[in-house]
Protein backbone atom coordinates (compact mmCIF):
# COMPACT_ATOMS: atom_id res chain seq x y z
CA MET A 1 28.43 -71.61 2.14
CA ASP A 2 25.44 -71.76 -0.17
CA LYS A 3 25.42 -68.98 -2.79
CA LEU A 4 21.65 -68.67 -2.43
CA ALA A 5 21.71 -68.23 1.36
CA PRO A 6 21.93 -64.40 1.32
CA MET A 7 19.10 -64.13 -1.21
CA ASN A 8 17.02 -66.68 0.72
CA PHE A 9 17.48 -64.57 3.85
CA LEU A 10 16.48 -61.43 1.95
CA LEU A 11 13.39 -63.14 0.51
CA LYS A 12 12.37 -64.25 4.01
CA LEU A 13 12.85 -60.66 5.17
CA SER A 14 10.73 -59.47 2.24
CA HIS A 15 7.95 -61.93 3.12
CA ALA A 16 8.06 -60.79 6.77
CA ILE A 17 7.79 -57.13 5.74
CA ASP A 18 4.90 -57.98 3.40
CA ALA A 19 3.13 -59.84 6.20
CA LEU A 20 3.64 -56.93 8.61
CA ASN A 21 2.16 -54.45 6.15
CA ARG A 22 -0.76 -56.78 5.40
CA ARG A 23 -1.54 -56.95 9.14
CA VAL A 24 -1.27 -53.17 9.49
CA ALA A 25 -3.55 -52.68 6.47
CA ALA A 26 -6.09 -55.14 7.89
CA SER A 27 -6.18 -53.06 11.08
CA VAL A 28 -6.35 -49.76 9.20
CA ILE A 29 -9.50 -50.92 7.43
CA TRP A 30 -11.28 -50.59 10.78
CA LEU A 31 -10.16 -46.96 11.03
CA VAL A 32 -12.27 -46.24 7.95
CA LEU A 33 -15.37 -47.45 9.77
CA ILE A 34 -14.44 -45.51 12.90
CA ALA A 35 -13.82 -42.35 10.86
CA VAL A 36 -17.19 -42.69 9.15
CA LEU A 37 -18.95 -43.23 12.49
CA VAL A 38 -17.19 -40.26 14.10
CA SER A 39 -18.09 -38.10 11.10
CA ALA A 40 -21.72 -39.24 11.18
CA VAL A 41 -22.10 -38.72 14.93
CA ASN A 42 -20.48 -35.31 14.67
CA ALA A 43 -22.81 -34.29 11.82
CA VAL A 44 -25.93 -35.53 13.62
CA ILE A 45 -25.02 -33.77 16.86
CA ARG A 46 -24.20 -30.58 14.98
CA LYS A 47 -27.49 -30.59 13.01
CA ALA A 48 -29.81 -31.94 15.72
CA PHE A 49 -28.45 -30.09 18.74
CA ASN A 50 -26.49 -27.24 17.16
CA LEU A 51 -23.40 -28.43 19.01
CA SER A 52 -19.96 -28.96 17.60
CA SER A 53 -16.83 -30.57 18.96
CA ASN A 54 -13.33 -29.58 17.93
CA ALA A 55 -12.12 -32.88 19.35
CA PHE A 56 -14.44 -34.81 17.00
CA LEU A 57 -13.32 -32.75 14.01
CA GLU A 58 -9.66 -33.24 14.88
CA LEU A 59 -10.25 -36.95 15.48
CA GLN A 60 -11.65 -37.21 11.94
CA TRP A 61 -8.50 -35.58 10.54
CA VAL A 62 -6.25 -37.85 12.59
CA LEU A 63 -8.14 -40.96 11.49
CA PHE A 64 -8.02 -39.97 7.81
CA SER A 65 -4.29 -39.27 8.16
CA ALA A 66 -3.73 -42.66 9.78
CA ILE A 67 -5.62 -44.39 6.98
CA PHE A 68 -3.40 -42.85 4.32
CA LEU A 69 -0.10 -43.03 6.18
CA PHE A 70 -0.53 -46.63 7.34
CA GLY A 71 -2.13 -47.78 4.09
CA ALA A 72 0.58 -46.41 1.79
CA ALA A 73 2.89 -49.39 2.30
CA GLN A 74 0.12 -51.82 1.39
CA ALA A 75 -0.68 -49.76 -1.70
CA LEU A 76 2.98 -50.07 -2.73
CA GLN A 77 2.97 -53.80 -2.04
CA LEU A 78 -0.11 -54.31 -4.21
CA ASN A 79 1.15 -51.96 -6.93
CA GLN A 80 -1.85 -49.70 -6.44
CA HIS A 81 0.22 -46.54 -6.40
CA VAL A 82 0.40 -44.07 -9.26
CA ARG A 83 2.52 -45.05 -12.22
CA ILE A 84 3.11 -43.45 -15.56
CA ASP A 85 2.40 -46.34 -17.88
CA ILE A 86 2.35 -44.46 -21.17
CA LEU A 87 6.02 -45.20 -21.82
CA SER A 88 6.68 -48.13 -19.53
CA SER A 89 3.86 -50.21 -21.03
CA ARG A 90 5.91 -50.37 -24.24
CA LEU A 91 8.96 -51.72 -22.40
CA SER A 92 9.86 -55.30 -21.59
CA ALA A 93 9.07 -56.71 -18.15
CA ARG A 94 12.78 -56.64 -17.31
CA ALA A 95 13.09 -52.98 -18.26
CA ARG A 96 10.02 -52.09 -16.17
CA VAL A 97 11.47 -53.90 -13.16
CA LYS A 98 14.79 -52.10 -13.63
CA ILE A 99 12.93 -48.77 -13.63
CA GLU A 100 10.99 -49.85 -10.53
CA LEU A 101 14.22 -50.80 -8.77
CA PHE A 102 15.91 -47.54 -9.77
CA GLY A 103 12.95 -45.48 -8.55
CA THR A 104 12.79 -47.41 -5.29
CA LEU A 105 16.51 -47.13 -4.54
CA PHE A 106 17.04 -43.54 -5.63
CA PHE A 107 13.71 -41.88 -4.89
CA LEU A 108 11.41 -43.84 -2.56
CA LEU A 109 13.96 -45.02 -0.01
CA PRO A 110 15.89 -41.73 0.33
CA VAL A 111 12.68 -39.68 0.63
CA ALA A 112 11.21 -42.09 3.19
CA ILE A 113 14.44 -41.96 5.23
CA LEU A 114 14.47 -38.16 5.04
CA ILE A 115 10.85 -37.86 6.17
CA VAL A 116 11.41 -40.26 9.09
CA HIS A 117 14.54 -38.33 10.04
CA LEU A 118 12.77 -34.95 9.91
CA SER A 119 9.46 -36.01 11.47
CA TRP A 120 10.82 -37.95 14.46
CA PRO A 121 12.08 -34.85 16.34
CA VAL A 122 8.70 -33.16 15.73
CA PHE A 123 6.98 -36.10 17.42
CA VAL A 124 9.48 -36.19 20.30
CA SER A 125 9.04 -32.46 20.90
CA ALA A 126 5.23 -32.75 20.89
CA PHE A 127 5.37 -35.74 23.23
CA GLU A 128 7.82 -34.19 25.69
CA SER A 129 6.01 -30.86 25.82
CA GLY A 130 2.54 -32.37 26.01
CA GLU A 131 1.55 -30.26 23.00
CA VAL A 132 -2.17 -29.99 22.43
CA SER A 133 -4.19 -28.42 19.66
CA ALA A 134 -4.68 -24.67 19.85
CA ASN A 135 -8.40 -25.23 19.27
CA ALA A 136 -10.65 -25.20 22.31
CA GLY A 137 -11.30 -28.79 23.34
CA GLY A 138 -8.67 -30.00 20.88
CA LEU A 139 -6.69 -33.22 21.15
CA ALA A 140 -3.15 -33.98 22.23
CA LEU A 141 -0.96 -33.72 19.14
CA TRP A 142 1.74 -36.30 19.82
CA PRO A 143 -0.30 -39.30 18.52
CA ALA A 144 -0.88 -37.48 15.24
CA ARG A 145 2.78 -36.45 15.09
CA LEU A 146 3.85 -40.06 15.67
CA MET A 147 1.91 -41.29 12.65
CA MET A 148 4.22 -39.57 10.17
CA PRO A 149 7.47 -41.36 11.11
CA LEU A 150 5.67 -44.67 11.71
CA GLY A 151 3.86 -44.52 8.38
CA PHE A 152 7.07 -43.73 6.54
CA VAL A 153 8.98 -46.48 8.36
CA LEU A 154 6.36 -48.92 7.05
CA LEU A 155 6.71 -47.42 3.56
CA LEU A 156 10.52 -47.62 3.84
CA LEU A 157 10.33 -51.28 4.85
CA GLN A 158 7.96 -52.03 1.99
CA GLY A 159 10.32 -50.26 -0.39
CA ILE A 160 13.11 -52.55 0.81
CA SER A 161 10.84 -55.55 0.26
CA GLN A 162 9.98 -54.37 -3.25
CA ALA A 163 13.68 -53.86 -4.06
CA ILE A 164 14.44 -57.41 -2.89
CA LYS A 165 11.69 -58.78 -5.13
CA CYS A 166 12.93 -56.73 -8.09
CA ILE A 167 16.47 -58.02 -7.64
CA ASN A 168 15.18 -61.57 -7.32
CA PHE A 169 13.21 -61.18 -10.56
CA LEU A 170 16.20 -59.69 -12.38
CA ARG A 171 18.27 -62.69 -11.26
CA GLY A 172 15.72 -64.89 -13.03
CA GLN A 173 14.18 -66.25 -9.83
CA GLY A 174 10.70 -65.16 -8.98
CA ASP A 175 7.67 -63.39 -10.26
CA ASN A 176 7.59 -59.89 -11.68
CA PRO A 177 6.91 -57.67 -8.64
CA CYS A 178 5.34 -55.00 -10.88
CA LEU A 179 2.43 -57.23 -11.94
CA ARG A 180 0.46 -57.67 -8.74
């Protein structure tokens, strides 16, 4: 058996995860436009007709939440997340990748798993009970509750992809995943 076969499989998995999160991010971009339109329509109706809709306000919140939750994995993939570069900028590329790998394995992945584990029952409960907002004219809550575990599953998958790329770099095969 080829010694590179397991790593080749993992790199293909990493590329598939990256592609999935790119497609999700490309779809999420449209939610920004929808959120802006909903906000604008809501503001115009409120000012022009002195009418307000709790459903429109809640829809804005849900859309903004979706943008952040479903865009987080792409931000990780593109290294657009917050880093503390004061110290790490003085380190070698290898040392930075080791820190990235450590942070991914011991912080990002466990927290993402924990949040998925804790948020899934909240979604299931909201879905099964048909929970709706307490506000008059409010929305059903299960779609908003579903976004949390789905967003963190995408982030978890992207964390796995990043870890694979870090390991590949540390093995001397591949680009530095921290320099995108």
